[in-house]
């Protein structure tokens, strides 16, 4: 049985990876299981300078998922490279570094921070950050900005570049094609869907930032549809995510056209979720006598 998949020339031992912001760099989870069993670990978003994040409360449960407004709090690239990269290099799995910024200059600065860093197998470009130069609109909601920032970062980084797409758009396939035009080596989708929850007793929003990103099973049908649409529109490898809780969920994304799947909210619900999802994929392949996981990709 072959579980190995290839993303932009980088081979992963299996298609199960972690979603940015839900697994940190794996140190905490490594106390519970061998994180090297995963196909890859995607670190929390890293910016050039440290970001304090949003005011609390930052997370709240919702029906079928959760809202988060953490605000990409992180210690900055220098601290990440010093404190987290040695751990990631020690693992027998692939390392994916998620890059974020609020202006073109910030994106280019963090990309340059990693230009000479060894041990990064793939970069994931988070273009869902609020672009302060464009009145708070995310770069990933505009095709021209998507192409432009993708090309800028592609020219700097020293490993293949995956562009993470926002679902908060009218036509996500158009954004995927814009990333492809900018030289992206792959796309990952979907990021969280913008949502809100109100405390009816206090008569105010629960999240300190008012709005937040919805993740979990509630968004999976939207995510599967968007992965399917992008798979029809571009020739790039796709990392599918959005409500992956079981091996069956992962198979659904792969059949829609994803090469790999990223596990996000499930890590908060169950720290062993990634391993259980991997076991579920294996069980499905055994049940239907599938010899190669790649044979299932895009069959729908």
Foldseek 3Di string as FASTA:
>chain_A
DQQWFDALNDIFSHQEEADAPFQALPPVLVVVDQPLVGREYEHHEAWAAFDQFFDDPAKDDDVQWIFGRRRSGDHHQVCCLVPRQVVLQPGNHAYEYEYEDQELVRRLNSLQSCLPPPRHAEYEYEQCAQNVVVVGHGLLQDLVSLLVSLLSSVVRHDHAYEYEHEPPYDARLSSLVSNVNSPHQYYEDDWFDKDWDADVVVGATNGSVRIGGTAAQVCLVVQLVNLLSNQVRDPHAYAGEGHPQALVSQLSSQLSAHRHYHDHRNCVVPVCRSVRNVVRVVVVCVVVVPPHSNVNGNND
